Amino acid sequence: MRTVALDDDLAALIEGEKPLDEAAREALVMDLFRRRKVSTGKACALLGLERLDFVRRAAELGIPVYLTTEKEWEADTAALDAWRQQQS
């Protein structure tokens, strides 16, 4: 594990509804995803989120999710179909 030093002003901006370590991790992973450095699946694994929860969080942050590969698209639609069946 590595440690990053943040001044209090930056830490206060990052921290909000989540503890600082969780908020910083989410910000880093979401930025990596936005820049296409990690896939949807990798981002989900890094954040410990199910795919649908990741899609919702990315949408809240204004990050487009569906700039993905065909394989990821198929996994996303399968997850959505499963969710819809659970809701019925």
C-alpha atoms as a PDB file:
ATOM      1  CA  MET A   1       0.000   0.000   0.000  1.00  0.00           C
ATOM      2  CA  ARG A   2       1.191   3.501  -0.755  1.00  0.00           C
ATOM      3  CA  THR A   3       0.403   6.759   0.986  1.00  0.00           C
ATOM      4  CA  VAL A   4      -0.352  10.079  -0.657  1.00  0.00           C
ATOM      5  CA  ALA A   5      -0.090  13.364   1.227  1.00  0.00           C
ATOM      6  CA  LEU A   6      -2.915  15.851   0.698  1.00  0.00           C
ATOM      7  CA  ASP A   7      -3.155  19.288   2.175  1.00  0.00           C
ATOM      8  CA  ASP A   8      -6.228  20.004   4.275  1.00  0.00           C
ATOM      9  CA  ASP A   9      -7.905  22.153   1.603  1.00  0.00           C
ATOM     10  CA  LEU A  10      -7.703  19.448  -1.058  1.00  0.00           C
ATOM     11  CA  ALA A  11      -8.732  16.752   1.388  1.00  0.00           C
ATOM     12  CA  ALA A  12     -11.788  18.790   2.368  1.00  0.00           C
ATOM     13  CA  LEU A  13     -12.777  19.160  -1.298  1.00  0.00           C
ATOM     14  CA  ILE A  14     -12.484  15.420  -1.935  1.00  0.00           C
ATOM     15  CA  GLU A  15     -14.157  14.328   1.269  1.00  0.00           C
ATOM     16  CA  GLY A  16     -17.887  14.741   1.343  1.00  0.00           C
ATOM     17  CA  GLU A  17     -20.450  12.030   1.741  1.00  0.00           C
ATOM     18  CA  LYS A  18     -17.729   9.383   2.129  1.00  0.00           C
ATOM     19  CA  PRO A  19     -14.599   9.035   4.232  1.00  0.00           C
ATOM     20  CA  LEU A  20     -11.546  10.583   2.588  1.00  0.00           C
ATOM     21  CA  ASP A  21      -9.882   7.298   1.632  1.00  0.00           C
ATOM     22  CA  GLU A  22     -13.040   5.995  -0.085  1.00  0.00           C
ATOM     23  CA  ALA A  23     -13.732   9.306  -1.823  1.00  0.00           C
ATOM     24  CA  ALA A  24     -10.151   9.601  -3.073  1.00  0.00           C
ATOM     25  CA  ARG A  25     -10.140   6.003  -4.323  1.00  0.00           C
ATOM     26  CA  GLU A  26     -13.422   6.556  -6.154  1.00  0.00           C
ATOM     27  CA  ALA A  27     -12.145   9.788  -7.720  1.00  0.00           C
ATOM     28  CA  LEU A  28      -8.977   8.099  -8.929  1.00  0.00           C
ATOM     29  CA  VAL A  29     -10.729   5.044 -10.342  1.00  0.00           C
ATOM     30  CA  MET A  30     -13.441   7.112 -12.019  1.00  0.00           C
ATOM     31  CA  ASP A  31     -10.814   9.330 -13.614  1.00  0.00           C
ATOM     32  CA  LEU A  32      -8.895   6.293 -14.850  1.00  0.00           C
ATOM     33  CA  PHE A  33     -12.129   4.911 -16.274  1.00  0.00           C
ATOM     34  CA  ARG A  34     -13.036   8.228 -17.911  1.00  0.00           C
ATOM     35  CA  ARG A  35      -9.605   8.308 -19.573  1.00  0.00           C
ATOM     36  CA  ARG A  36     -10.047   4.670 -20.687  1.00  0.00           C
ATOM     37  CA  LYS A  37      -7.114   3.449 -18.614  1.00  0.00           C
ATOM     38  CA  VAL A  38      -9.289   0.800 -16.932  1.00  0.00           C
ATOM     39  CA  SER A  39     -12.303  -1.117 -18.192  1.00  0.00           C
ATOM     40  CA  THR A  40     -15.732  -1.108 -16.622  1.00  0.00           C
ATOM     41  CA  GLY A  41     -15.013  -4.525 -15.126  1.00  0.00           C
ATOM     42  CA  LYS A  42     -11.685  -3.410 -13.656  1.00  0.00           C
ATOM     43  CA  ALA A  43     -13.240  -0.227 -12.246  1.00  0.00           C
ATOM     44  CA  CYS A  44     -16.007  -2.301 -10.637  1.00  0.00           C
ATOM     45  CA  ALA A  45     -13.431  -4.620  -9.088  1.00  0.00           C
ATOM     46  CA  LEU A  46     -11.303  -1.740  -7.788  1.00  0.00           C
ATOM     47  CA  LEU A  47     -14.326  -0.072  -6.198  1.00  0.00           C
ATOM     48  CA  GLY A  48     -16.037  -3.254  -5.019  1.00  0.00           C
ATOM     49  CA  LEU A  49     -19.203  -2.390  -6.931  1.00  0.00           C
ATOM     50  CA  GLU A  50     -21.608  -4.448  -8.998  1.00  0.00           C
ATOM     51  CA  ARG A  51     -21.744  -3.310 -12.624  1.00  0.00           C
ATOM     52  CA  LEU A  52     -25.168  -1.676 -12.333  1.00  0.00           C
ATOM     53  CA  ASP A  53     -24.117   0.248  -9.210  1.00  0.00           C
ATOM     54  CA  PHE A  54     -21.006   1.437 -11.050  1.00  0.00           C
ATOM     55  CA  VAL A  55     -23.123   2.594 -14.013  1.00  0.00           C
ATOM     56  CA  ARG A  56     -25.399   4.536 -11.687  1.00  0.00           C
ATOM     57  CA  ARG A  57     -22.484   6.194  -9.845  1.00  0.00           C
ATOM     58  CA  ALA A  58     -20.744   7.102 -13.094  1.00  0.00           C
ATOM     59  CA  ALA A  59     -23.994   8.659 -14.340  1.00  0.00           C
ATOM     60  CA  GLU A  60     -24.256  10.702 -11.129  1.00  0.00           C
ATOM     61  CA  LEU A  61     -20.750  12.000 -11.838  1.00  0.00           C
ATOM     62  CA  GLY A  62     -21.502  12.717 -15.504  1.00  0.00           C
ATOM     63  CA  ILE A  63     -19.084  10.060 -16.766  1.00  0.00           C
ATOM     64  CA  PRO A  64     -20.267   8.215 -19.885  1.00  0.00           C
ATOM     65  CA  VAL A  65     -20.126   4.475 -19.375  1.00  0.00           C
ATOM     66  CA  TYR A  66     -20.997   3.062 -22.745  1.00  0.00           C
ATOM     67  CA  LEU A  67     -17.736   3.795 -24.483  1.00  0.00           C
ATOM     68  CA  THR A  68     -16.969   0.116 -24.022  1.00  0.00           C
ATOM     69  CA  THR A  69     -16.065  -2.970 -25.965  1.00  0.00           C
ATOM     70  CA  GLU A  70     -18.663  -5.298 -27.406  1.00  0.00           C
ATOM     71  CA  LYS A  71     -17.896  -7.841 -24.676  1.00  0.00           C
ATOM     72  CA  GLU A  72     -18.454  -5.230 -21.943  1.00  0.00           C
ATOM     73  CA  TRP A  73     -21.680  -4.074 -23.649  1.00  0.00           C
ATOM     74  CA  GLU A  74     -22.989  -7.649 -23.628  1.00  0.00           C
ATOM     75  CA  ALA A  75     -22.108  -8.031 -19.936  1.00  0.00           C
ATOM     76  CA  ASP A  76     -23.815  -4.714 -19.127  1.00  0.00           C
ATOM     77  CA  THR A  77     -27.006  -5.604 -20.991  1.00  0.00           C
ATOM     78  CA  ALA A  78     -27.066  -9.060 -19.342  1.00  0.00           C
ATOM     79  CA  ALA A  79     -26.754  -7.419 -15.913  1.00  0.00           C
ATOM     80  CA  LEU A  80     -29.545  -4.982 -16.781  1.00  0.00           C
ATOM     81  CA  ASP A  81     -31.781  -7.793 -18.030  1.00  0.00           C
ATOM     82  CA  ALA A  82     -31.172  -9.735 -14.800  1.00  0.00           C
ATOM     83  CA  TRP A  83     -31.990  -6.644 -12.743  1.00  0.00           C
ATOM     84  CA  ARG A  84     -35.219  -6.085 -14.688  1.00  0.00           C
ATOM     85  CA  GLN A  85     -36.260  -9.688 -14.057  1.00  0.00           C
ATOM     86  CA  GLN A  86     -35.653  -9.214 -10.323  1.00  0.00           C
ATOM     87  CA  GLN A  87     -37.859  -6.118 -10.358  1.00  0.00           C
ATOM     88  CA  SER A  88     -40.790  -7.975 -11.964  1.00  0.00           C
END
